[in-house]
Amino acid sequence: MKKLLAVCLALLFVVNIADGRPPRAKKAGELDDGVYKDNSYGFQISIPEGWDGSVKKDDSYVRLVISKKEYGIPMQFQHAPAYTQVPKITVIADTTSWPLVMFVDSIMSSEHSSDQKKSILVETPILFGDFQQKRKGKMVVGDVEGMMVTGRQQYTIQVQRAGSQSDKGDVVTDYKGGSVFFARNPLDNTLIVINFICEDRYFEHLQDEVVGILNSFKFTEGE
């Protein structure tokens, strides 16, 4: 009887611990067979072979990060490849009542400031600081009309050789390239910002893949 009571108490203790665990954070969306569908903002986008998708939490305005599995390493980083900018696509979702052109102009303007702009610039570093714009204009992906901004930004870093404690390494100055696609669903004011960044020397080649991914994007709200 004592053994049975001890077993029952142990099981009750385990159940209480399980019940006391904090619930798992809800994901921003579902990734199934290479297609990401957002749970809150009514859109989907496909992830092709050669890219990995990481779904974020539902309370984050960053919904999905798509990273290139294999990519080129610049000569200056051959001995320390971790310094290379991994080709990465960040999908951001928010809302705005502003017309898209006006909204993009506000992001690009040095005179406009808002908490929303600050949050977006954190995830679109190619637009921040000494940004050299290449292109800005309307772009249609799938059946969605949006705006695309492309450009590059210079960086300078000190590269320490792997395994070396005394060697201060080399100072490298180069460019990161990227693009930012903006779209707005007029049905519910959903704002989508899709940022791509990589080493600038690989941008033109990789941008073709990025455009292919963008062409899979569509709003599902209201379908």
Protein backbone atom coordinates (compact mmCIF):
# COMPACT_ATOMS: atom_id res chain seq x y z
CA MET A 1 0.00 0.00 0.00
CA LYS A 2 2.82 2.39 0.89
CA LYS A 3 4.53 1.64 -2.42
CA LEU A 4 1.29 2.31 -4.33
CA LEU A 5 0.81 5.59 -2.48
CA ALA A 6 4.39 6.62 -3.24
CA VAL A 7 3.90 5.87 -6.94
CA CYS A 8 0.67 7.90 -7.03
CA LEU A 9 2.31 10.85 -5.31
CA ALA A 10 5.25 10.71 -7.75
CA LEU A 11 2.90 10.70 -10.75
CA LEU A 12 0.94 13.61 -9.27
CA PHE A 13 4.19 15.51 -8.77
CA VAL A 14 5.21 14.96 -12.41
CA VAL A 15 1.79 16.08 -13.68
CA ASN A 16 1.94 19.24 -11.57
CA ILE A 17 5.37 20.08 -12.95
CA ALA A 18 4.14 19.57 -16.52
CA ASP A 19 1.09 21.74 -15.87
CA GLY A 20 3.33 24.44 -14.45
CA ARG A 21 5.50 24.70 -17.55
CA PRO A 22 5.04 27.90 -19.52
CA PRO A 23 3.24 27.28 -22.84
CA ARG A 24 5.36 27.18 -25.95
CA ALA A 25 5.41 30.44 -27.87
CA LYS A 26 3.10 30.39 -30.86
CA LYS A 27 4.89 30.42 -34.20
CA ALA A 28 4.38 33.19 -36.73
CA GLY A 29 3.27 30.69 -39.34
CA GLU A 30 3.56 27.20 -40.74
CA LEU A 31 6.25 25.94 -43.10
CA ASP A 32 5.01 22.93 -45.06
CA ASP A 33 6.62 21.39 -48.14
CA GLY A 34 8.62 24.55 -48.82
CA VAL A 35 5.66 26.95 -48.51
CA TYR A 36 5.40 29.36 -45.58
CA LYS A 37 1.89 30.53 -44.62
CA ASP A 38 1.60 33.26 -42.04
CA ASN A 39 -0.89 32.80 -39.21
CA SER A 40 -1.68 36.47 -38.59
CA TYR A 41 -0.94 38.62 -41.63
CA GLY A 42 -2.53 36.66 -44.48
CA PHE A 43 0.34 35.97 -46.87
CA GLN A 44 2.47 33.12 -48.12
CA ILE A 45 5.86 32.69 -49.76
CA SER A 46 7.79 29.69 -51.08
CA ILE A 47 11.31 28.61 -50.16
CA PRO A 48 13.18 26.84 -52.99
CA GLU A 49 15.88 24.20 -52.74
CA GLY A 50 19.21 25.59 -51.66
CA TRP A 51 17.62 27.86 -49.04
CA ASP A 52 16.63 27.24 -45.41
CA GLY A 53 13.61 28.79 -43.68
CA SER A 54 13.44 29.71 -39.99
CA VAL A 55 9.98 30.60 -38.67
CA LYS A 56 9.91 33.19 -35.89
CA LYS A 57 7.49 33.79 -33.00
CA ASP A 58 4.02 35.17 -33.62
CA ASP A 59 4.62 38.20 -31.42
CA SER A 60 7.56 39.26 -33.58
CA TYR A 61 7.25 41.54 -36.59
CA VAL A 62 10.01 39.41 -38.18
CA ARG A 63 7.99 36.47 -39.45
CA LEU A 64 10.50 34.40 -41.42
CA VAL A 65 14.22 34.33 -42.21
CA ILE A 66 15.41 32.52 -45.35
CA SER A 67 19.16 31.79 -45.59
CA LYS A 68 21.26 30.48 -48.47
CA LYS A 69 22.75 27.07 -47.66
CA GLU A 70 25.84 27.36 -49.84
CA TYR A 71 27.38 30.63 -50.94
CA GLY A 72 30.60 32.21 -52.15
CA ILE A 73 33.36 33.32 -49.77
CA PRO A 74 35.31 36.48 -50.76
CA MET A 75 39.07 36.05 -51.07
CA GLN A 76 39.74 38.23 -48.01
CA PHE A 77 37.67 35.87 -45.86
CA GLN A 78 39.04 32.54 -47.14
CA HIS A 79 40.97 32.01 -43.91
CA ALA A 80 38.03 33.21 -41.77
CA PRO A 81 34.79 32.44 -43.66
CA ALA A 82 32.57 33.32 -40.67
CA TYR A 83 33.11 37.00 -41.49
CA THR A 84 31.21 36.56 -44.76
CA GLN A 85 27.71 38.02 -44.90
CA VAL A 86 25.45 35.01 -45.30
CA PRO A 87 22.90 35.69 -48.09
CA LYS A 88 19.74 36.22 -46.06
CA ILE A 89 16.13 37.20 -46.71
CA THR A 90 14.16 38.65 -43.80
CA VAL A 91 10.37 38.84 -44.07
CA ILE A 92 8.79 41.56 -41.90
CA ALA A 93 5.07 42.14 -41.40
CA ASP A 94 3.31 45.12 -39.85
CA THR A 95 0.47 47.48 -40.74
CA THR A 96 0.24 50.97 -42.19
CA SER A 97 -2.58 53.16 -43.43
CA TRP A 98 -0.19 55.19 -45.58
CA PRO A 99 -0.11 54.70 -49.36
CA LEU A 100 2.88 52.53 -50.23
CA VAL A 101 4.82 55.20 -52.13
CA MET A 102 4.45 57.63 -49.24
CA PHE A 103 5.52 54.98 -46.76
CA VAL A 104 8.66 54.03 -48.70
CA ASP A 105 9.58 57.69 -49.09
CA SER A 106 9.29 58.12 -45.32
CA ILE A 107 11.65 55.19 -44.74
CA MET A 108 14.18 56.64 -47.19
CA SER A 109 13.90 60.19 -45.85
CA SER A 110 16.45 61.42 -43.32
CA GLU A 111 13.89 63.91 -42.03
CA HIS A 112 11.23 61.38 -41.00
CA SER A 113 11.48 59.52 -37.71
CA SER A 114 9.16 57.04 -36.03
CA ASP A 115 9.35 53.92 -33.86
CA GLN A 116 8.10 51.86 -36.80
CA LYS A 117 10.87 53.18 -39.05
CA LYS A 118 13.51 52.45 -36.40
CA SER A 119 12.26 48.87 -36.07
CA ILE A 120 12.30 48.33 -39.83
CA LEU A 121 15.80 49.77 -40.25
CA VAL A 122 17.13 47.30 -37.66
CA GLU A 123 16.21 44.47 -40.05
CA THR A 124 17.04 46.35 -43.28
CA PRO A 125 20.64 47.40 -42.56
CA ILE A 126 21.38 48.00 -46.23
CA LEU A 127 19.19 51.15 -46.01
CA PHE A 128 20.88 52.46 -42.89
CA GLY A 129 23.76 54.93 -42.67
CA ASP A 130 25.90 55.61 -45.75
CA PHE A 131 23.56 53.86 -48.18
CA GLN A 132 24.34 54.08 -51.90
CA GLN A 133 21.08 53.66 -53.78
CA LYS A 134 21.13 51.90 -57.16
CA ARG A 135 17.43 51.63 -57.95
CA LYS A 136 14.09 52.63 -56.51
CA GLY A 137 10.79 52.03 -58.26
CA LYS A 138 7.64 50.01 -58.68
CA MET A 139 7.90 46.25 -59.06
CA VAL A 140 5.27 43.57 -59.62
CA VAL A 141 5.85 40.13 -58.12
CA GLY A 142 3.22 37.52 -58.91
CA ASP A 143 -0.01 39.50 -58.76
CA VAL A 144 1.26 41.94 -56.10
CA GLU A 145 2.39 45.45 -57.03
CA GLY A 146 5.02 46.82 -54.69
CA MET A 147 8.22 48.84 -54.62
CA MET A 148 11.83 47.72 -54.76
CA VAL A 149 14.92 49.55 -53.50
CA THR A 150 18.40 48.20 -54.25
CA GLY A 151 21.79 49.48 -53.21
CA ARG A 152 24.98 48.83 -51.34
CA GLN A 153 26.76 49.96 -48.21
CA GLN A 154 30.45 50.08 -47.40
CA TYR A 155 31.85 48.31 -44.35
CA THR A 156 35.27 48.09 -42.70
CA ILE A 157 36.13 45.28 -40.31
CA GLN A 158 39.24 43.80 -38.76
CA VAL A 159 39.55 40.13 -39.66
CA GLN A 160 41.39 37.93 -37.20
CA ARG A 161 42.77 34.70 -38.52
CA ALA A 162 41.11 31.58 -37.14
CA GLY A 163 43.02 30.09 -34.18
CA SER A 164 45.30 33.11 -33.81
CA GLN A 165 45.36 34.98 -30.51
CA SER A 166 48.26 37.35 -31.17
CA ASP A 167 47.67 38.17 -34.85
CA LYS A 168 45.43 41.24 -35.09
CA GLY A 169 44.55 40.24 -38.63
CA ASP A 170 43.79 42.39 -41.65
CA VAL A 171 41.57 45.43 -42.02
CA VAL A 172 39.08 44.73 -44.80
CA THR A 173 36.98 47.36 -46.56
CA ASP A 174 34.29 46.15 -48.94
CA TYR A 175 30.57 46.43 -49.68
CA LYS A 176 27.40 44.62 -48.73
CA GLY A 177 24.66 44.68 -51.33
CA GLY A 178 20.97 44.21 -50.97
CA SER A 179 17.39 44.87 -51.92
CA VAL A 180 14.23 45.72 -50.02
CA PHE A 181 10.79 44.92 -51.39
CA PHE A 182 7.76 46.74 -49.94
CA ALA A 183 4.14 45.71 -50.44
CA ARG A 184 0.83 46.68 -48.85
CA ASN A 185 -2.48 44.84 -48.85
CA PRO A 186 -5.17 47.55 -49.17
CA LEU A 187 -7.82 45.17 -47.82
CA ASP A 188 -6.42 45.20 -44.29
CA ASN A 189 -3.43 47.61 -44.39
CA THR A 190 -0.94 44.75 -43.97
CA LEU A 191 2.59 45.95 -44.71
CA ILE A 192 5.21 43.49 -45.93
CA VAL A 193 8.92 44.34 -46.05
CA ILE A 194 11.26 41.72 -47.53
CA ASN A 195 14.93 42.49 -47.05
CA PHE A 196 17.78 40.70 -48.83
CA ILE A 197 21.45 41.20 -47.95
CA CYS A 198 24.71 39.57 -49.08
CA GLU A 199 28.27 40.43 -50.06
CA ASP A 200 27.87 42.97 -52.86
CA ARG A 201 30.13 41.09 -55.27
CA TYR A 202 27.53 38.29 -55.36
CA PHE A 203 24.42 40.48 -55.36
CA GLU A 204 23.60 40.58 -59.08
CA HIS A 205 23.76 36.79 -59.36
CA LEU A 206 21.83 36.06 -56.16
CA GLN A 207 19.22 38.73 -56.80
CA ASP A 208 17.87 36.60 -59.65
CA GLU A 209 17.13 33.85 -57.10
CA VAL A 210 15.62 36.38 -54.72
CA VAL A 211 13.28 37.68 -57.43
CA GLY A 212 12.21 34.08 -58.05
CA ILE A 213 11.32 33.76 -54.36
CA LEU A 214 9.50 37.10 -54.43
CA ASN A 215 7.43 35.92 -57.38
CA SER A 216 6.00 33.20 -55.14
CA PHE A 217 4.73 35.79 -52.66
CA LYS A 218 1.01 36.48 -52.46
CA PHE A 219 -1.57 37.87 -50.09
CA THR A 220 -4.05 35.20 -49.03
CA GLU A 221 -6.28 37.47 -46.95
CA GLY A 222 -9.51 38.08 -48.81
CA GLU A 223 -9.11 35.15 -51.24
